[in-house]
Amino acid sequence: MFKGTPEIIAQRREEIVGACEQLYQTMSFKDITLKEISNVTSFSRPTIYNYFHTKEEIFLALFEREYNRWNADLEKILNSEKDYAGQELAEQIAKSLERRAQLLKLLSMNNFDMEENSREELLASFKRAYGQSLKLFREILGKHCSGMSEAEAEQVMYIFFPFMFGIYPYAEVTAKQKEAMKQAEIDYKYQSIYEITYDCLVKLL
């Protein structure tokens, strides 16, 4: 990794991750290369290797950033002076995920390959952001669902967090996919991220 001050390293890593995020708005994971990322930054491809060894490491850093953004929303729910009831809490969490479509898109990818092709220290940093989401979510349940037992709260966690992996593919459907569903004569009700998340949480809470 490039030898510089922590501030410089962090700033340059952020620029690289930001370039990846920009490309990810219009390109797929498989089409984004280090060369494509270098074209959007002020760095050459060899320079990027000073900060990230693989494309997967850059995406993992973007993934971590998205978890941190969601964590900020979860902290607001946790620290709210209002005591949210079941449906109100479901609404607040659903709204927080509605703003995090990119997090859900990343969740729907092959996370095994992303993590397998990243260095351990970067994976550990990502896991800390993910772990903070688990911690905040559990604290939210403890605060706003006081009648829920420890076993019930754990069950909610083990249902909802795996459930999140499938939200994006159901909510963000392309025109090609819709046409294929039509040709297959599948009567499918399309729902938003908010609707899918809210309906699940209302049942769980």
N, C-alpha and C. Protein backbone atom coordinates (compact mmCIF):
# COMPACT_ATOMS: atom_id res chain seq x y z
N MET A 1 0.85 -1.20 0.00
CA MET A 1 0.00 0.00 0.00
C MET A 1 0.88 1.24 0.00
N PHE A 2 0.43 2.31 -0.60
CA PHE A 2 1.15 3.57 -0.68
C PHE A 2 1.51 4.07 0.72
N LYS A 3 2.75 4.51 0.87
CA LYS A 3 3.22 5.04 2.14
C LYS A 3 2.94 6.54 2.18
N GLY A 4 1.98 6.95 2.95
CA GLY A 4 1.63 8.35 3.09
C GLY A 4 0.90 8.54 4.39
N THR A 5 0.47 9.75 4.66
CA THR A 5 -0.25 9.99 5.90
C THR A 5 -1.60 9.27 5.84
N PRO A 6 -2.15 8.91 6.98
CA PRO A 6 -3.47 8.25 6.98
C PRO A 6 -4.53 9.09 6.29
N GLU A 7 -4.41 10.41 6.40
CA GLU A 7 -5.40 11.30 5.78
C GLU A 7 -5.34 11.21 4.26
N ILE A 8 -4.09 11.21 3.72
CA ILE A 8 -3.92 11.13 2.26
C ILE A 8 -4.40 9.79 1.74
N ILE A 9 -4.04 8.72 2.45
CA ILE A 9 -4.46 7.39 2.03
C ILE A 9 -5.98 7.28 2.03
N ALA A 10 -6.62 7.78 3.10
CA ALA A 10 -8.08 7.72 3.21
C ALA A 10 -8.73 8.53 2.10
N GLN A 11 -8.18 9.71 1.80
CA GLN A 11 -8.74 10.58 0.77
C GLN A 11 -8.66 9.92 -0.60
N ARG A 12 -7.54 9.29 -0.90
CA ARG A 12 -7.37 8.66 -2.21
C ARG A 12 -8.21 7.39 -2.33
N ARG A 13 -8.31 6.66 -1.26
CA ARG A 13 -9.18 5.48 -1.27
C ARG A 13 -10.64 5.89 -1.50
N GLU A 14 -11.05 6.98 -0.86
CA GLU A 14 -12.41 7.47 -1.03
C GLU A 14 -12.68 7.89 -2.47
N GLU A 15 -11.68 8.51 -3.11
CA GLU A 15 -11.85 8.93 -4.50
C GLU A 15 -12.03 7.70 -5.41
N ILE A 16 -11.27 6.66 -5.13
CA ILE A 16 -11.36 5.43 -5.93
C ILE A 16 -12.72 4.76 -5.71
N VAL A 17 -13.15 4.67 -4.46
CA VAL A 17 -14.45 4.07 -4.15
C VAL A 17 -15.57 4.90 -4.75
N GLY A 18 -15.43 6.23 -4.69
CA GLY A 18 -16.43 7.11 -5.28
C GLY A 18 -16.54 6.92 -6.78
N ALA A 19 -15.42 6.69 -7.44
CA ALA A 19 -15.43 6.43 -8.89
C ALA A 19 -16.14 5.12 -9.19
N CYS A 20 -15.89 4.11 -8.36
CA CYS A 20 -16.57 2.82 -8.53
C CYS A 20 -18.07 2.99 -8.34
N GLU A 21 -18.46 3.75 -7.33
CA GLU A 21 -19.87 4.01 -7.07
C GLU A 21 -20.52 4.70 -8.26
N GLN A 22 -19.82 5.66 -8.85
CA GLN A 22 -20.35 6.39 -10.01
C GLN A 22 -20.58 5.44 -11.19
N LEU A 23 -19.62 4.57 -11.44
CA LEU A 23 -19.76 3.62 -12.55
C LEU A 23 -20.87 2.61 -12.30
N TYR A 24 -21.04 2.25 -11.03
CA TYR A 24 -22.02 1.22 -10.66
C TYR A 24 -23.46 1.68 -10.88
N GLN A 25 -23.64 2.97 -11.09
CA GLN A 25 -24.99 3.49 -11.37
C GLN A 25 -25.47 3.06 -12.75
N THR A 26 -24.52 2.84 -13.67
CA THR A 26 -24.91 2.54 -15.05
C THR A 26 -24.28 1.26 -15.60
N MET A 27 -23.34 0.68 -14.86
CA MET A 27 -22.64 -0.52 -15.34
C MET A 27 -22.80 -1.66 -14.34
N SER A 28 -22.63 -2.87 -14.82
CA SER A 28 -22.71 -4.03 -13.94
C SER A 28 -21.36 -4.31 -13.31
N PHE A 29 -21.37 -5.11 -12.26
CA PHE A 29 -20.13 -5.47 -11.58
C PHE A 29 -19.13 -6.09 -12.54
N LYS A 30 -19.57 -7.00 -13.39
CA LYS A 30 -18.65 -7.71 -14.28
C LYS A 30 -18.03 -6.79 -15.32
N ASP A 31 -18.71 -5.71 -15.68
CA ASP A 31 -18.20 -4.80 -16.71
C ASP A 31 -17.27 -3.72 -16.16
N ILE A 32 -17.30 -3.53 -14.85
CA ILE A 32 -16.44 -2.52 -14.24
C ILE A 32 -15.06 -3.11 -14.01
N THR A 33 -14.03 -2.48 -14.55
CA THR A 33 -12.66 -2.93 -14.41
C THR A 33 -11.83 -1.85 -13.72
N LEU A 34 -10.63 -2.21 -13.30
CA LEU A 34 -9.74 -1.20 -12.71
C LEU A 34 -9.40 -0.12 -13.73
N LYS A 35 -9.34 -0.50 -15.01
CA LYS A 35 -9.08 0.50 -16.05
C LYS A 35 -10.24 1.48 -16.14
N GLU A 36 -11.48 0.97 -16.09
CA GLU A 36 -12.65 1.85 -16.12
C GLU A 36 -12.63 2.80 -14.92
N ILE A 37 -12.29 2.28 -13.75
CA ILE A 37 -12.25 3.09 -12.53
C ILE A 37 -11.16 4.15 -12.65
N SER A 38 -10.01 3.78 -13.21
CA SER A 38 -8.91 4.75 -13.35
C SER A 38 -9.29 5.89 -14.28
N ASN A 39 -10.16 5.60 -15.26
CA ASN A 39 -10.58 6.64 -16.20
C ASN A 39 -11.44 7.71 -15.53
N VAL A 40 -12.06 7.36 -14.39
CA VAL A 40 -12.95 8.29 -13.69
C VAL A 40 -12.20 9.02 -12.57
N THR A 41 -11.03 8.50 -12.20
CA THR A 41 -10.25 9.12 -11.12
C THR A 41 -9.04 9.86 -11.71
N SER A 42 -8.26 10.44 -10.82
CA SER A 42 -7.02 11.10 -11.23
C SER A 42 -5.84 10.15 -11.15
N PHE A 43 -6.12 8.84 -10.94
CA PHE A 43 -5.06 7.86 -10.76
C PHE A 43 -4.97 6.91 -11.95
N SER A 44 -3.76 6.45 -12.22
CA SER A 44 -3.57 5.41 -13.23
C SER A 44 -3.92 4.07 -12.60
N ARG A 45 -4.08 3.06 -13.46
CA ARG A 45 -4.40 1.73 -12.94
C ARG A 45 -3.30 1.21 -12.00
N PRO A 46 -2.00 1.35 -12.35
CA PRO A 46 -0.96 0.90 -11.41
C PRO A 46 -1.02 1.63 -10.06
N THR A 47 -1.41 2.90 -10.07
CA THR A 47 -1.50 3.65 -8.82
C THR A 47 -2.62 3.12 -7.94
N ILE A 48 -3.72 2.71 -8.56
CA ILE A 48 -4.84 2.15 -7.80
C ILE A 48 -4.41 0.93 -7.01
N TYR A 49 -3.47 0.15 -7.58
CA TYR A 49 -2.98 -1.05 -6.89
C TYR A 49 -2.28 -0.73 -5.57
N ASN A 50 -1.88 0.52 -5.39
CA ASN A 50 -1.28 0.92 -4.12
C ASN A 50 -2.31 0.94 -2.99
N TYR A 51 -3.59 1.01 -3.37
CA TYR A 51 -4.66 1.15 -2.37
C TYR A 51 -5.59 -0.06 -2.35
N PHE A 52 -5.82 -0.65 -3.50
CA PHE A 52 -6.67 -1.84 -3.60
C PHE A 52 -6.00 -2.84 -4.54
N HIS A 53 -5.96 -4.09 -4.14
CA HIS A 53 -5.30 -5.11 -4.96
C HIS A 53 -6.22 -5.72 -6.00
N THR A 54 -7.52 -5.65 -5.76
CA THR A 54 -8.49 -6.25 -6.69
C THR A 54 -9.72 -5.36 -6.82
N LYS A 55 -10.47 -5.60 -7.87
CA LYS A 55 -11.75 -4.91 -8.04
C LYS A 55 -12.68 -5.24 -6.90
N GLU A 56 -12.63 -6.48 -6.44
CA GLU A 56 -13.49 -6.91 -5.34
C GLU A 56 -13.23 -6.10 -4.07
N GLU A 57 -11.97 -5.74 -3.83
CA GLU A 57 -11.65 -4.93 -2.65
C GLU A 57 -12.29 -3.55 -2.73
N ILE A 58 -12.34 -2.99 -3.93
CA ILE A 58 -12.98 -1.68 -4.10
C ILE A 58 -14.48 -1.79 -3.84
N PHE A 59 -15.09 -2.83 -4.37
CA PHE A 59 -16.52 -3.03 -4.14
C PHE A 59 -16.80 -3.32 -2.67
N LEU A 60 -15.90 -4.03 -2.01
CA LEU A 60 -16.08 -4.31 -0.59
C LEU A 60 -16.04 -3.01 0.21
N ALA A 61 -15.16 -2.09 -0.19
CA ALA A 61 -15.09 -0.77 0.47
C ALA A 61 -16.36 0.03 0.22
N LEU A 62 -16.91 -0.09 -0.99
CA LEU A 62 -18.19 0.57 -1.29
C LEU A 62 -19.30 -0.04 -0.46
N PHE A 63 -19.28 -1.35 -0.32
CA PHE A 63 -20.23 -2.09 0.50
C PHE A 63 -20.16 -1.59 1.95
N GLU A 64 -18.94 -1.45 2.46
CA GLU A 64 -18.74 -0.97 3.83
C GLU A 64 -19.30 0.44 3.99
N ARG A 65 -19.07 1.28 2.99
CA ARG A 65 -19.59 2.65 3.02
C ARG A 65 -21.11 2.65 3.09
N GLU A 66 -21.74 1.76 2.33
CA GLU A 66 -23.19 1.69 2.33
C GLU A 66 -23.73 1.22 3.69
N TYR A 67 -23.06 0.26 4.31
CA TYR A 67 -23.48 -0.16 5.65
C TYR A 67 -23.34 1.00 6.63
N ASN A 68 -22.26 1.77 6.52
CA ASN A 68 -22.07 2.91 7.42
C ASN A 68 -23.16 3.96 7.22
N ARG A 69 -23.58 4.15 5.99
CA ARG A 69 -24.67 5.10 5.70
C ARG A 69 -25.98 4.60 6.33
N TRP A 70 -26.22 3.30 6.21
CA TRP A 70 -27.43 2.74 6.82
C TRP A 70 -27.34 2.82 8.34
N ASN A 71 -26.15 2.57 8.87
CA ASN A 71 -25.95 2.67 10.32
C ASN A 71 -26.33 4.05 10.84
N ALA A 72 -26.01 5.09 10.08
CA ALA A 72 -26.37 6.46 10.49
C ALA A 72 -27.88 6.60 10.59
N ASP A 73 -28.61 5.99 9.66
CA ASP A 73 -30.08 6.04 9.71
C ASP A 73 -30.62 5.22 10.89
N LEU A 74 -30.00 4.06 11.13
CA LEU A 74 -30.43 3.23 12.26
C LEU A 74 -30.19 3.94 13.59
N GLU A 75 -29.09 4.67 13.68
CA GLU A 75 -28.80 5.43 14.90
C GLU A 75 -29.86 6.48 15.17
N LYS A 76 -30.36 7.11 14.11
CA LYS A 76 -31.43 8.11 14.27
C LYS A 76 -32.70 7.46 14.82
N ILE A 77 -33.02 6.27 14.32
CA ILE A 77 -34.20 5.55 14.82
C ILE A 77 -33.99 5.16 16.28
N LEU A 78 -32.80 4.66 16.57
CA LEU A 78 -32.49 4.23 17.93
C LEU A 78 -32.54 5.40 18.92
N ASN A 79 -32.01 6.55 18.52
CA ASN A 79 -31.90 7.69 19.42
C ASN A 79 -33.12 8.61 19.39
N SER A 80 -34.13 8.25 18.60
CA SER A 80 -35.33 9.07 18.53
C SER A 80 -36.03 9.11 19.89
N GLU A 81 -36.56 10.25 20.23
CA GLU A 81 -37.30 10.38 21.48
C GLU A 81 -38.68 9.74 21.37
N LYS A 82 -39.11 9.48 20.15
CA LYS A 82 -40.42 8.88 19.95
C LYS A 82 -40.34 7.37 20.16
N ASP A 83 -41.35 6.83 20.80
CA ASP A 83 -41.44 5.39 21.02
C ASP A 83 -42.28 4.79 19.89
N TYR A 84 -41.62 4.14 18.94
CA TYR A 84 -42.32 3.62 17.78
C TYR A 84 -43.02 2.30 18.11
N ALA A 85 -44.28 2.21 17.71
CA ALA A 85 -45.02 0.95 17.85
C ALA A 85 -44.65 0.05 16.68
N GLY A 86 -45.24 -1.16 16.62
CA GLY A 86 -44.88 -2.14 15.60
C GLY A 86 -44.90 -1.62 14.18
N GLN A 87 -46.05 -1.11 13.72
CA GLN A 87 -46.17 -0.63 12.35
C GLN A 87 -45.33 0.62 12.12
N GLU A 88 -45.25 1.47 13.12
CA GLU A 88 -44.44 2.70 12.99
C GLU A 88 -42.95 2.35 12.89
N LEU A 89 -42.51 1.36 13.65
CA LEU A 89 -41.12 0.94 13.59
C LEU A 89 -40.83 0.31 12.23
N ALA A 90 -41.74 -0.51 11.75
CA ALA A 90 -41.59 -1.12 10.43
C ALA A 90 -41.47 -0.04 9.36
N GLU A 91 -42.26 1.00 9.49
CA GLU A 91 -42.23 2.12 8.54
C GLU A 91 -40.88 2.84 8.57
N GLN A 92 -40.35 3.09 9.76
CA GLN A 92 -39.07 3.80 9.89
C GLN A 92 -37.93 2.98 9.29
N ILE A 93 -37.88 1.70 9.57
CA ILE A 93 -36.81 0.86 9.04
C ILE A 93 -36.97 0.70 7.53
N ALA A 94 -38.21 0.55 7.06
CA ALA A 94 -38.45 0.43 5.62
C ALA A 94 -38.00 1.70 4.89
N LYS A 95 -38.27 2.85 5.48
CA LYS A 95 -37.82 4.11 4.88
C LYS A 95 -36.30 4.19 4.83
N SER A 96 -35.65 3.68 5.89
CA SER A 96 -34.18 3.72 5.92
C SER A 96 -33.58 2.86 4.81
N LEU A 97 -34.20 1.73 4.51
CA LEU A 97 -33.69 0.87 3.44
C LEU A 97 -34.09 1.38 2.06
N GLU A 98 -35.20 2.08 2.00
CA GLU A 98 -35.62 2.67 0.73
C GLU A 98 -34.55 3.64 0.23
N ARG A 99 -33.84 4.29 1.14
CA ARG A 99 -32.76 5.22 0.79
C ARG A 99 -31.45 4.49 0.50
N ARG A 100 -31.41 3.21 0.73
CA ARG A 100 -30.17 2.45 0.60
C ARG A 100 -30.30 1.38 -0.49
N ALA A 101 -30.84 1.76 -1.64
CA ALA A 101 -31.00 0.80 -2.75
C ALA A 101 -29.66 0.21 -3.17
N GLN A 102 -28.60 1.02 -3.10
CA GLN A 102 -27.29 0.53 -3.50
C GLN A 102 -26.78 -0.56 -2.54
N LEU A 103 -27.07 -0.41 -1.25
CA LEU A 103 -26.71 -1.45 -0.28
C LEU A 103 -27.41 -2.75 -0.64
N LEU A 104 -28.69 -2.66 -0.96
CA LEU A 104 -29.47 -3.86 -1.31
C LEU A 104 -29.00 -4.46 -2.63
N LYS A 105 -28.58 -3.62 -3.56
CA LYS A 105 -28.04 -4.10 -4.83
C LYS A 105 -26.75 -4.88 -4.60
N LEU A 106 -25.89 -4.36 -3.74
CA LEU A 106 -24.63 -5.04 -3.40
C LEU A 106 -24.91 -6.35 -2.67
N LEU A 107 -25.92 -6.35 -1.81
CA LEU A 107 -26.28 -7.57 -1.09
C LEU A 107 -26.73 -8.67 -2.05
N SER A 108 -27.34 -8.29 -3.15
CA SER A 108 -27.87 -9.28 -4.10
C SER A 108 -26.78 -9.88 -4.98
N MET A 109 -25.55 -9.34 -4.89
CA MET A 109 -24.44 -9.86 -5.67
C MET A 109 -23.85 -11.11 -5.02
N ASN A 110 -22.82 -11.68 -5.67
CA ASN A 110 -22.14 -12.85 -5.12
C ASN A 110 -21.13 -12.38 -4.07
N ASN A 111 -21.57 -12.26 -2.83
CA ASN A 111 -20.70 -11.73 -1.78
C ASN A 111 -19.56 -12.68 -1.45
N PHE A 112 -19.74 -13.96 -1.71
CA PHE A 112 -18.69 -14.93 -1.41
C PHE A 112 -17.42 -14.59 -2.19
N ASP A 113 -17.57 -14.35 -3.50
CA ASP A 113 -16.41 -14.02 -4.33
C ASP A 113 -15.79 -12.68 -3.93
N MET A 114 -16.65 -11.71 -3.59
CA MET A 114 -16.15 -10.40 -3.20
C MET A 114 -15.28 -10.50 -1.95
N GLU A 115 -15.75 -11.26 -0.99
CA GLU A 115 -15.01 -11.41 0.26
C GLU A 115 -13.78 -12.30 0.08
N GLU A 116 -13.92 -13.34 -0.74
CA GLU A 116 -12.81 -14.28 -0.95
C GLU A 116 -11.62 -13.60 -1.63
N ASN A 117 -11.90 -12.60 -2.49
CA ASN A 117 -10.85 -11.93 -3.25
C ASN A 117 -10.43 -10.60 -2.64
N SER A 118 -10.61 -10.47 -1.33
CA SER A 118 -10.20 -9.26 -0.61
C SER A 118 -9.27 -9.65 0.54
N ARG A 119 -8.34 -8.75 0.84
CA ARG A 119 -7.41 -9.02 1.94
C ARG A 119 -8.14 -9.02 3.28
N GLU A 120 -7.57 -9.76 4.22
CA GLU A 120 -8.22 -9.99 5.51
C GLU A 120 -8.49 -8.69 6.26
N GLU A 121 -7.54 -7.74 6.22
CA GLU A 121 -7.74 -6.50 6.97
C GLU A 121 -8.88 -5.66 6.42
N LEU A 122 -9.08 -5.71 5.08
CA LEU A 122 -10.20 -4.98 4.48
C LEU A 122 -11.51 -5.70 4.75
N LEU A 123 -11.47 -7.02 4.76
CA LEU A 123 -12.66 -7.79 5.08
C LEU A 123 -13.08 -7.54 6.53
N ALA A 124 -12.10 -7.46 7.43
CA ALA A 124 -12.40 -7.20 8.83
C ALA A 124 -13.03 -5.81 9.01
N SER A 125 -12.53 -4.83 8.25
CA SER A 125 -13.10 -3.48 8.32
C SER A 125 -14.55 -3.48 7.85
N PHE A 126 -14.82 -4.21 6.77
CA PHE A 126 -16.19 -4.35 6.27
C PHE A 126 -17.08 -5.03 7.31
N LYS A 127 -16.58 -6.09 7.92
CA LYS A 127 -17.36 -6.84 8.90
C LYS A 127 -17.71 -5.98 10.12
N ARG A 128 -16.83 -5.04 10.45
CA ARG A 128 -17.14 -4.14 11.58
C ARG A 128 -18.35 -3.27 11.25
N ALA A 129 -18.43 -2.78 10.01
CA ALA A 129 -19.59 -1.96 9.60
C ALA A 129 -20.86 -2.81 9.59
N TYR A 130 -20.74 -4.03 9.07
CA TYR A 130 -21.88 -4.96 9.06
C TYR A 130 -22.29 -5.31 10.50
N GLY A 131 -21.30 -5.57 11.34
CA GLY A 131 -21.59 -5.90 12.74
C GLY A 131 -22.27 -4.77 13.47
N GLN A 132 -21.92 -3.53 13.12
CA GLN A 132 -22.58 -2.38 13.73
C GLN A 132 -24.05 -2.32 13.34
N SER A 133 -24.36 -2.72 12.11
CA SER A 133 -25.77 -2.78 11.68
C SER A 133 -26.54 -3.78 12.52
N LEU A 134 -25.95 -4.94 12.74
CA LEU A 134 -26.59 -5.95 13.58
C LEU A 134 -26.82 -5.41 15.00
N LYS A 135 -25.80 -4.77 15.53
CA LYS A 135 -25.87 -4.24 16.90
C LYS A 135 -26.96 -3.18 17.03
N LEU A 136 -26.98 -2.23 16.07
CA LEU A 136 -27.96 -1.15 16.13
C LEU A 136 -29.38 -1.70 15.96
N PHE A 137 -29.54 -2.63 15.03
CA PHE A 137 -30.87 -3.22 14.79
C PHE A 137 -31.36 -3.92 16.05
N ARG A 138 -30.46 -4.66 16.70
CA ARG A 138 -30.83 -5.36 17.93
C ARG A 138 -31.20 -4.37 19.04
N GLU A 139 -30.47 -3.27 19.14
CA GLU A 139 -30.78 -2.25 20.14
C GLU A 139 -32.10 -1.57 19.85
N ILE A 140 -32.40 -1.39 18.58
CA ILE A 140 -33.70 -0.81 18.19
C ILE A 140 -34.83 -1.73 18.64
N LEU A 141 -34.67 -3.02 18.43
CA LEU A 141 -35.69 -3.97 18.88
C LEU A 141 -35.84 -3.92 20.40
N GLY A 142 -34.72 -3.81 21.10
CA GLY A 142 -34.77 -3.75 22.56
C GLY A 142 -35.47 -2.51 23.06
N LYS A 143 -35.28 -1.39 22.36
CA LYS A 143 -35.88 -0.12 22.79
C LYS A 143 -37.36 -0.02 22.42
N HIS A 144 -37.69 -0.37 21.18
CA HIS A 144 -39.04 -0.12 20.67
C HIS A 144 -39.96 -1.34 20.73
N CYS A 145 -39.39 -2.51 21.04
CA CYS A 145 -40.20 -3.73 21.17
C CYS A 145 -39.90 -4.36 22.52
N SER A 146 -40.17 -3.63 23.56
CA SER A 146 -39.79 -4.05 24.91
C SER A 146 -40.43 -5.37 25.34
N GLY A 147 -41.56 -5.70 24.75
CA GLY A 147 -42.23 -6.95 25.11
C GLY A 147 -41.66 -8.17 24.41
N MET A 148 -40.69 -7.96 23.53
CA MET A 148 -40.11 -9.05 22.75
C MET A 148 -39.02 -9.74 23.57
N SER A 149 -39.07 -11.05 23.63
CA SER A 149 -38.05 -11.79 24.39
C SER A 149 -36.75 -11.84 23.61
N GLU A 150 -35.68 -12.24 24.29
CA GLU A 150 -34.37 -12.36 23.65
C GLU A 150 -34.42 -13.36 22.49
N ALA A 151 -35.10 -14.47 22.72
CA ALA A 151 -35.22 -15.50 21.67
C ALA A 151 -36.02 -14.97 20.47
N GLU A 152 -37.07 -14.22 20.73
CA GLU A 152 -37.88 -13.66 19.65
C GLU A 152 -37.08 -12.63 18.85
N ALA A 153 -36.32 -11.79 19.56
CA ALA A 153 -35.50 -10.78 18.89
C ALA A 153 -34.45 -11.44 18.00
N GLU A 154 -33.86 -12.51 18.51
CA GLU A 154 -32.85 -13.24 17.73
C GLU A 154 -33.48 -13.85 16.49
N GLN A 155 -34.69 -14.35 16.62
CA GLN A 155 -35.39 -14.93 15.47
C GLN A 155 -35.68 -13.87 14.42
N VAL A 156 -36.10 -12.68 14.86
CA VAL A 156 -36.35 -11.58 13.93
C VAL A 156 -35.07 -11.25 13.16
N MET A 157 -33.95 -11.18 13.87
CA MET A 157 -32.67 -10.87 13.24
C MET A 157 -32.30 -11.92 12.18
N TYR A 158 -32.47 -13.20 12.54
CA TYR A 158 -32.08 -14.27 11.63
C TYR A 158 -33.02 -14.44 10.46
N ILE A 159 -34.19 -13.86 10.54
CA ILE A 159 -35.10 -13.86 9.40
C ILE A 159 -34.87 -12.62 8.53
N PHE A 160 -34.78 -11.45 9.18
CA PHE A 160 -34.76 -10.20 8.41
C PHE A 160 -33.44 -9.98 7.67
N PHE A 161 -32.31 -10.23 8.30
CA PHE A 161 -31.04 -9.94 7.62
C PHE A 161 -30.80 -10.84 6.40
N PRO A 162 -31.08 -12.13 6.45
CA PRO A 162 -31.01 -12.92 5.21
C PRO A 162 -32.07 -12.47 4.18
N PHE A 163 -33.23 -12.04 4.67
CA PHE A 163 -34.30 -11.56 3.79
C PHE A 163 -33.83 -10.37 2.95
N MET A 164 -32.95 -9.53 3.54
CA MET A 164 -32.48 -8.34 2.84
C MET A 164 -31.75 -8.67 1.54
N PHE A 165 -31.13 -9.86 1.46
CA PHE A 165 -30.39 -10.25 0.26
C PHE A 165 -31.30 -10.34 -0.97
N GLY A 166 -32.58 -10.58 -0.75
CA GLY A 166 -33.48 -10.78 -1.89
C GLY A 166 -34.37 -9.60 -2.22
N ILE A 167 -34.27 -8.50 -1.46
CA ILE A 167 -35.16 -7.36 -1.70
C ILE A 167 -34.92 -6.72 -3.06
N TYR A 168 -33.67 -6.42 -3.38
CA TYR A 168 -33.36 -5.67 -4.60
C TYR A 168 -33.84 -6.37 -5.88
N PRO A 169 -33.57 -7.68 -6.06
CA PRO A 169 -34.02 -8.32 -7.31
C PRO A 169 -35.53 -8.32 -7.49
N TYR A 170 -36.27 -8.27 -6.39
CA TYR A 170 -37.73 -8.24 -6.49
C TYR A 170 -38.26 -6.83 -6.73
N ALA A 171 -37.53 -5.84 -6.23
CA ALA A 171 -38.03 -4.46 -6.33
C ALA A 171 -37.54 -3.75 -7.59
N GLU A 172 -36.31 -4.01 -7.99
CA GLU A 172 -35.71 -3.32 -9.14
C GLU A 172 -35.69 -4.27 -10.33
N VAL A 173 -36.77 -4.29 -11.08
CA VAL A 173 -36.93 -5.22 -12.19
C VAL A 173 -36.75 -4.47 -13.51
N THR A 174 -35.90 -5.00 -14.38
CA THR A 174 -35.63 -4.34 -15.66
C THR A 174 -36.78 -4.57 -16.64
N ALA A 175 -36.79 -3.76 -17.70
CA ALA A 175 -37.81 -3.92 -18.75
C ALA A 175 -37.68 -5.29 -19.41
N LYS A 176 -36.46 -5.77 -19.57
CA LYS A 176 -36.22 -7.09 -20.16
C LYS A 176 -36.81 -8.19 -19.29
N GLN A 177 -36.61 -8.06 -17.97
CA GLN A 177 -37.16 -9.05 -17.05
C GLN A 177 -38.68 -9.03 -17.04
N LYS A 178 -39.26 -7.84 -17.10
CA LYS A 178 -40.72 -7.72 -17.13
C LYS A 178 -41.30 -8.36 -18.38
N GLU A 179 -40.62 -8.14 -19.52
CA GLU A 179 -41.09 -8.73 -20.77
C GLU A 179 -41.01 -10.24 -20.72
N ALA A 180 -39.93 -10.76 -20.11
CA ALA A 180 -39.78 -12.21 -19.99
C ALA A 180 -40.87 -12.80 -19.10
N MET A 181 -41.22 -12.09 -18.02
CA MET A 181 -42.29 -12.54 -17.13
C MET A 181 -43.62 -12.55 -17.88
N LYS A 182 -43.79 -11.55 -18.72
CA LYS A 182 -45.03 -11.45 -19.50
C LYS A 182 -45.13 -12.62 -20.47
N GLN A 183 -44.03 -12.90 -21.16
CA GLN A 183 -44.01 -14.00 -22.12
C GLN A 183 -44.19 -15.35 -21.44
N ALA A 184 -43.69 -15.45 -20.20
CA ALA A 184 -43.84 -16.69 -19.43
C ALA A 184 -45.22 -16.81 -18.79
N GLU A 185 -46.03 -15.75 -18.98
CA GLU A 185 -47.40 -15.70 -18.45
C GLU A 185 -47.42 -15.84 -16.92
N ILE A 186 -46.48 -15.14 -16.30
CA ILE A 186 -46.42 -15.12 -14.83
C ILE A 186 -47.09 -13.84 -14.34
N ASP A 187 -48.12 -13.99 -13.55
CA ASP A 187 -48.84 -12.85 -13.00
C ASP A 187 -48.11 -12.41 -11.73
N TYR A 188 -47.27 -11.40 -11.86
CA TYR A 188 -46.41 -10.99 -10.76
C TYR A 188 -46.75 -9.56 -10.33
N LYS A 189 -46.88 -9.36 -9.02
CA LYS A 189 -47.16 -8.03 -8.48
C LYS A 189 -45.84 -7.35 -8.12
N TYR A 190 -45.53 -6.26 -8.81
CA TYR A 190 -44.28 -5.55 -8.57
C TYR A 190 -44.45 -4.60 -7.39
N GLN A 191 -43.49 -4.65 -6.45
CA GLN A 191 -43.52 -3.81 -5.27
C GLN A 191 -42.21 -3.05 -5.10
N SER A 192 -42.27 -1.96 -4.37
CA SER A 192 -41.07 -1.14 -4.13
C SER A 192 -40.26 -1.71 -2.98
N ILE A 193 -39.05 -1.19 -2.81
CA ILE A 193 -38.21 -1.59 -1.68
C ILE A 193 -38.95 -1.33 -0.37
N TYR A 194 -39.58 -0.17 -0.30
CA TYR A 194 -40.32 0.18 0.92
C TYR A 194 -41.44 -0.82 1.19
N GLU A 195 -42.23 -1.14 0.18
CA GLU A 195 -43.38 -2.03 0.36
C GLU A 195 -42.95 -3.43 0.80
N ILE A 196 -41.91 -3.97 0.14
CA ILE A 196 -41.43 -5.32 0.47
C ILE A 196 -40.90 -5.35 1.90
N THR A 197 -40.10 -4.34 2.25
CA THR A 197 -39.50 -4.28 3.59
C THR A 197 -40.57 -4.09 4.66
N TYR A 198 -41.47 -3.17 4.42
CA TYR A 198 -42.53 -2.86 5.40
C TYR A 198 -43.41 -4.09 5.67
N ASP A 199 -43.83 -4.76 4.60
CA ASP A 199 -44.72 -5.92 4.76
C ASP A 199 -44.03 -7.03 5.58
N CYS A 200 -42.76 -7.24 5.32
CA CYS A 200 -42.02 -8.26 6.06
C CYS A 200 -41.90 -7.88 7.54
N LEU A 201 -41.53 -6.63 7.81
CA LEU A 201 -41.31 -6.20 9.20
C LEU A 201 -42.60 -6.17 9.99
N VAL A 202 -43.70 -5.79 9.37
CA VAL A 202 -44.99 -5.78 10.08
C VAL A 202 -45.31 -7.17 10.57
N LYS A 203 -45.04 -8.17 9.74
CA LYS A 203 -45.31 -9.55 10.15
C LYS A 203 -44.36 -10.01 11.24
N LEU A 204 -43.10 -9.57 11.15
CA LEU A 204 -42.11 -10.00 12.15
C LEU A 204 -42.29 -9.32 13.49
N LEU A 205 -42.71 -8.05 13.46
CA LEU A 205 -42.80 -7.27 14.69
C LEU A 205 -44.15 -7.37 15.35
